[in-house]
Amino acid sequence: MQVGLFIIGDEILSAKRQDSHLGKFIELLSLRGMQLAWAQYLGDDRELLTARLREAFASGDLVVSCGGIGATPDDHTRQAAAAALGRPLALHPDARELIWQRVQQMAAEQGVMADADHPDTLRRFQMGVFPEGAALVPNPYNKIPGFSVGHVHFVPGFPVMAHPMMAWVLDRYPQLHRQVGVTERSLIVQGAMEASLTPLMEAIEAEFAGIKVFSLPSVDHPRWGRCIELGVKGHPELLAPAYDALKQGVIHHGASISTEMVR
């Protein structure tokens, strides 16, 4: 099972707001020895969201979707999820109760009586309208929940809500946690071109199953100038021999090594 992330909202694509979900999600995954396989930024376009969510539901991946589950006209994620599943939308009774608790709390703070039939309350109940059969994702910040269908989980766009909800979702998959996460080792290579090192990279991946080789060239690195960060990543037990082979290959190539790094 791979792990994917949707980050939804026109405000992200227009840079009115800066995304903080991608980095935080990678951090939460790393703490559990997991890795992100893919991520997509999507605007508030119902047809596009429906198509992408249909693919996610069919993929079997563990997917978290951030944003667009409010009840204003520019929020389309709940409706798109229902369309992708071919299910009707329905007010989840437990979500209604949680939202009502929040409405009562806000009313008490303002010194007024809560009214379940007030138009504002009825609009808030719309935030509990999910595809039929959905389960709830608890929101520790203000009680208003997200929802899950299968392995696809929907949380709000607000980081203060979304991030603890992401963690809750990941903790529902202990079978994907690893005591030791993926590790990587790399070295800064100078005096070599990426193309000339490609055969070495291919040979390392062919010899060491489960190891990935990466190459990050720079033309103006602030410390090393023109260089290549060349490395391997994978399970720690497999990493050392693959890294040694990579390092010896670079030396044999005649390139210089400026520094070595472990992450």
Protein backbone atom coordinates (compact mmCIF):
# COMPACT_ATOMS: atom_id res chain seq x y z
CA MET A 1 0.00 0.00 0.00
CA GLN A 2 1.43 3.32 -1.09
CA VAL A 3 0.71 6.63 0.64
CA GLY A 4 -0.60 9.64 -1.26
CA LEU A 5 -1.63 13.21 -0.44
CA PHE A 6 -4.09 15.62 -2.06
CA ILE A 7 -3.80 19.32 -1.17
CA ILE A 8 -6.93 21.08 -2.39
CA GLY A 9 -7.71 24.76 -2.79
CA ASP A 10 -7.51 27.57 -5.31
CA GLU A 11 -5.85 29.67 -2.60
CA ILE A 12 -2.83 27.34 -2.67
CA LEU A 13 -2.51 27.41 -6.45
CA SER A 14 -2.79 31.22 -6.51
CA ALA A 15 -0.30 31.58 -3.62
CA LYS A 16 -2.80 33.48 -1.48
CA ARG A 17 -1.87 30.90 1.13
CA GLN A 18 1.33 28.91 1.45
CA ASP A 19 1.04 25.15 1.77
CA SER A 20 2.20 23.67 5.06
CA HIS A 21 0.64 20.23 4.63
CA LEU A 22 3.21 18.52 2.43
CA GLY A 23 6.18 19.02 4.74
CA LYS A 24 4.18 18.16 7.86
CA PHE A 25 2.74 15.01 6.31
CA ILE A 26 6.22 13.82 5.30
CA GLU A 27 7.36 14.49 8.88
CA LEU A 28 4.44 12.51 10.35
CA LEU A 29 5.15 9.63 7.97
CA SER A 30 8.85 9.63 8.83
CA LEU A 31 8.09 9.39 12.54
CA ARG A 32 6.28 6.14 11.76
CA GLY A 33 8.90 4.77 9.37
CA MET A 34 6.68 5.46 6.36
CA GLN A 35 7.23 7.27 3.06
CA LEU A 36 5.14 9.44 0.78
CA ALA A 37 4.75 7.94 -2.70
CA TRP A 38 2.94 10.83 -4.39
CA ALA A 39 1.30 14.21 -3.79
CA GLN A 40 -0.95 16.40 -5.94
CA TYR A 41 -2.10 20.01 -5.67
CA LEU A 42 -5.65 20.47 -6.98
CA GLY A 43 -7.90 23.48 -7.39
CA ASP A 44 -11.53 23.75 -6.33
CA ASP A 45 -12.80 22.18 -9.55
CA ARG A 46 -15.52 19.59 -8.93
CA GLU A 47 -15.03 17.64 -12.16
CA LEU A 48 -11.27 17.45 -11.70
CA LEU A 49 -11.64 16.46 -8.04
CA THR A 50 -14.16 13.76 -8.93
CA ALA A 51 -11.79 12.26 -11.49
CA ARG A 52 -8.77 12.28 -9.16
CA LEU A 53 -10.75 10.92 -6.22
CA ARG A 54 -12.20 8.15 -8.34
CA GLU A 55 -8.64 7.08 -9.13
CA ALA A 56 -7.70 7.28 -5.44
CA PHE A 57 -10.62 5.14 -4.31
CA ALA A 58 -9.74 2.52 -6.93
CA SER A 59 -6.00 2.53 -6.20
CA GLY A 60 -6.00 0.87 -2.80
CA ASP A 61 -3.51 3.51 -1.64
CA LEU A 62 -3.70 5.16 1.76
CA VAL A 63 -4.66 8.71 0.75
CA VAL A 64 -5.16 11.84 2.83
CA SER A 65 -7.01 14.76 1.23
CA CYS A 66 -6.66 18.23 2.78
CA GLY A 67 -9.14 21.01 2.15
CA GLY A 68 -12.45 21.76 0.51
CA ILE A 69 -14.74 20.00 2.99
CA GLY A 70 -16.44 23.15 4.29
CA ALA A 71 -19.98 24.24 3.44
CA THR A 72 -19.37 27.37 1.36
CA PRO A 73 -19.94 27.47 -2.42
CA ASP A 74 -16.23 27.20 -3.17
CA ASP A 75 -15.91 23.88 -1.31
CA HIS A 76 -16.43 20.88 -3.59
CA THR A 77 -14.53 17.99 -2.02
CA ARG A 78 -17.44 16.29 -0.24
CA GLN A 79 -19.62 16.45 -3.35
CA ALA A 80 -16.78 15.24 -5.57
CA ALA A 81 -16.10 12.30 -3.25
CA ALA A 82 -19.76 11.27 -3.39
CA ALA A 83 -19.77 11.54 -7.18
CA ALA A 84 -16.55 9.53 -7.45
CA LEU A 85 -18.10 6.78 -5.33
CA GLY A 86 -21.51 6.91 -6.98
CA ARG A 87 -23.13 7.41 -3.57
CA PRO A 88 -25.60 10.00 -2.28
CA LEU A 89 -24.65 12.59 0.29
CA ALA A 90 -26.26 12.28 3.72
CA LEU A 91 -25.99 14.02 7.07
CA HIS A 92 -23.97 11.71 9.31
CA PRO A 93 -25.83 11.49 12.65
CA ASP A 94 -22.65 11.42 14.73
CA ALA A 95 -21.24 14.35 12.79
CA ARG A 96 -24.46 16.28 13.39
CA GLU A 97 -24.16 15.65 17.12
CA LEU A 98 -20.53 16.81 17.19
CA ILE A 99 -21.39 19.95 15.23
CA TRP A 100 -24.34 20.63 17.55
CA GLN A 101 -22.02 20.34 20.54
CA ARG A 102 -19.74 22.91 18.92
CA VAL A 103 -22.69 25.23 18.21
CA GLN A 104 -23.80 24.99 21.85
CA GLN A 105 -20.28 25.70 23.05
CA MET A 106 -20.01 28.82 20.88
CA ALA A 107 -23.44 30.01 22.02
CA ALA A 108 -22.48 29.55 25.69
CA GLU A 109 -19.30 31.56 25.12
CA GLN A 110 -21.43 34.39 23.67
CA GLY A 111 -24.03 34.17 26.45
CA VAL A 112 -26.91 33.21 24.15
CA MET A 113 -29.09 30.14 23.62
CA ALA A 114 -28.22 27.73 20.83
CA ASP A 115 -30.96 27.18 18.25
CA ALA A 116 -30.86 23.95 16.22
CA ASP A 117 -33.23 25.45 13.63
CA HIS A 118 -31.38 28.73 13.13
CA PRO A 119 -30.23 29.17 9.50
CA ASP A 120 -26.59 29.49 10.61
CA THR A 121 -26.87 26.21 12.55
CA LEU A 122 -28.46 24.45 9.59
CA ARG A 123 -25.59 25.66 7.39
CA ARG A 124 -23.08 24.35 9.92
CA PHE A 125 -24.80 20.95 9.84
CA GLN A 126 -23.91 20.84 6.14
CA MET A 127 -20.30 20.26 7.20
CA GLY A 128 -21.45 16.84 8.42
CA VAL A 129 -22.95 15.85 5.08
CA PHE A 130 -20.71 13.09 3.73
CA PRO A 131 -20.96 10.28 1.18
CA GLU A 132 -23.30 7.63 2.50
CA GLY A 133 -21.46 5.04 4.58
CA ALA A 134 -18.53 7.31 5.46
CA ALA A 135 -16.73 6.99 8.80
CA LEU A 136 -15.63 9.99 10.85
CA VAL A 137 -12.14 11.41 11.35
CA PRO A 138 -12.15 13.18 14.75
CA ASN A 139 -11.13 16.83 14.94
CA PRO A 140 -9.57 17.64 18.32
CA TYR A 141 -9.52 21.36 17.61
CA ASN A 142 -13.23 22.18 17.29
CA LYS A 143 -15.07 18.83 17.10
CA ILE A 144 -16.22 19.29 13.47
CA PRO A 145 -15.08 16.00 11.92
CA GLY A 146 -13.58 14.94 8.65
CA PHE A 147 -14.52 11.67 7.04
CA SER A 148 -13.13 8.47 5.55
CA VAL A 149 -14.29 6.06 2.89
CA GLY A 150 -12.11 2.99 2.59
CA HIS A 151 -8.49 4.07 2.68
CA VAL A 152 -9.17 7.66 1.54
CA HIS A 153 -9.40 10.16 4.37
CA PHE A 154 -10.62 13.76 4.22
CA VAL A 155 -9.50 16.53 6.61
CA PRO A 156 -9.93 20.33 6.61
CA GLY A 157 -7.49 22.73 5.04
CA PHE A 158 -6.67 24.52 8.29
CA PRO A 159 -3.27 23.21 9.48
CA VAL A 160 -4.20 23.47 13.18
CA MET A 161 -6.99 20.96 12.51
CA ALA A 162 -5.54 18.96 9.64
CA HIS A 163 -2.20 17.99 11.15
CA PRO A 164 -3.45 16.17 14.27
CA MET A 165 -6.13 14.55 12.12
CA MET A 166 -3.43 13.32 9.71
CA ALA A 167 -1.59 11.78 12.64
CA TRP A 168 -4.78 10.07 13.81
CA VAL A 169 -5.27 8.57 10.34
CA LEU A 170 -1.70 7.25 10.14
CA ASP A 171 -2.02 5.66 13.56
CA ARG A 172 -4.92 3.59 12.18
CA TYR A 173 -2.36 1.75 10.02
CA PRO A 174 0.12 0.19 12.46
CA GLN A 175 0.81 -2.57 9.94
CA LEU A 176 2.55 0.04 7.75
CA HIS A 177 4.74 1.41 10.53
CA ARG A 178 8.38 0.41 10.66
CA GLN A 179 10.56 0.61 13.75
CA VAL A 180 13.40 1.93 11.62
CA GLY A 181 12.50 4.15 8.72
CA VAL A 182 14.14 4.49 5.35
CA THR A 183 17.61 5.96 5.71
CA GLU A 184 19.90 7.55 3.17
CA ARG A 185 23.62 8.21 2.80
CA SER A 186 25.12 10.52 0.25
CA LEU A 187 28.30 12.28 -0.75
CA ILE A 188 29.13 15.52 -2.51
CA VAL A 189 30.92 14.77 -5.76
CA GLN A 190 32.98 17.32 -7.67
CA GLY A 191 34.84 16.92 -10.92
CA ALA A 192 32.34 14.60 -12.60
CA MET A 193 29.32 14.97 -14.87
CA GLU A 194 25.99 13.34 -14.02
CA ALA A 195 25.86 11.53 -17.37
CA SER A 196 29.22 9.87 -16.77
CA LEU A 197 28.08 8.62 -13.34
CA THR A 198 24.81 7.15 -14.62
CA PRO A 199 26.29 3.68 -15.41
CA LEU A 200 27.56 3.48 -11.82
CA MET A 201 24.13 4.39 -10.49
CA GLU A 202 22.46 1.77 -12.67
CA ALA A 203 24.95 -0.87 -11.55
CA ILE A 204 24.31 -0.13 -7.85
CA GLU A 205 20.55 -0.49 -8.25
CA ALA A 206 20.98 -3.71 -10.23
CA GLU A 207 23.29 -5.24 -7.61
CA PHE A 208 21.44 -4.17 -4.44
CA ALA A 209 17.74 -4.98 -4.58
CA GLY A 210 15.62 -2.57 -2.54
CA ILE A 211 18.13 0.28 -2.79
CA LYS A 212 17.42 3.46 -4.74
CA VAL A 213 20.19 5.70 -6.04
CA PHE A 214 19.59 9.44 -6.33
CA SER A 215 21.47 12.28 -7.97
CA LEU A 216 20.94 15.98 -7.19
CA PRO A 217 23.19 18.17 -9.35
CA SER A 218 23.87 21.84 -8.54
CA VAL A 219 25.55 24.46 -10.66
CA ASP A 220 25.89 27.09 -7.95
CA HIS A 221 25.75 25.44 -4.55
CA PRO A 222 26.55 28.10 -1.90
CA ARG A 223 29.28 25.92 -0.37
CA TRP A 224 30.50 23.50 -3.06
CA GLY A 225 29.71 25.34 -6.29
CA ARG A 226 29.21 22.97 -9.22
CA CYS A 227 28.66 19.55 -7.68
CA ILE A 228 26.45 16.48 -7.45
CA GLU A 229 24.92 15.07 -4.30
CA LEU A 230 25.03 11.37 -5.07
CA GLY A 231 23.51 8.89 -2.68
CA VAL A 232 21.58 5.76 -1.86
CA LYS A 233 18.47 5.23 0.25
CA GLY A 234 16.72 2.16 1.57
CA HIS A 235 16.59 -0.12 4.58
CA PRO A 236 19.55 0.46 6.95
CA GLU A 237 20.68 -3.18 6.75
CA LEU A 238 21.12 -2.89 2.99
CA LEU A 239 22.46 0.63 2.96
CA ALA A 240 26.08 0.19 4.04
CA PRO A 241 27.28 -2.20 1.31
CA ALA A 242 25.46 -0.23 -1.39
CA TYR A 243 26.96 3.02 -0.16
CA ASP A 244 30.45 1.54 -0.01
CA ALA A 245 30.10 0.33 -3.59
CA LEU A 246 28.89 3.76 -4.69
CA LYS A 247 31.75 5.54 -2.95
CA GLN A 248 34.38 3.22 -4.41
CA GLY A 249 32.83 3.70 -7.84
CA VAL A 250 33.13 7.47 -7.55
CA ILE A 251 36.77 7.18 -6.47
CA HIS A 252 37.49 4.79 -9.32
CA HIS A 253 35.89 7.31 -11.69
CA GLY A 254 38.50 9.86 -10.61
CA ALA A 255 36.07 12.37 -9.08
CA SER A 256 36.66 14.09 -5.74
CA ILE A 257 34.45 13.70 -2.66
CA SER A 258 33.92 16.89 -0.65
CA THR A 259 31.85 15.54 2.21
CA GLU A 260 29.63 12.63 3.25
CA MET A 261 26.15 12.82 4.80
CA VAL A 262 23.75 10.51 6.64
CA ARG A 263 20.03 11.23 6.99
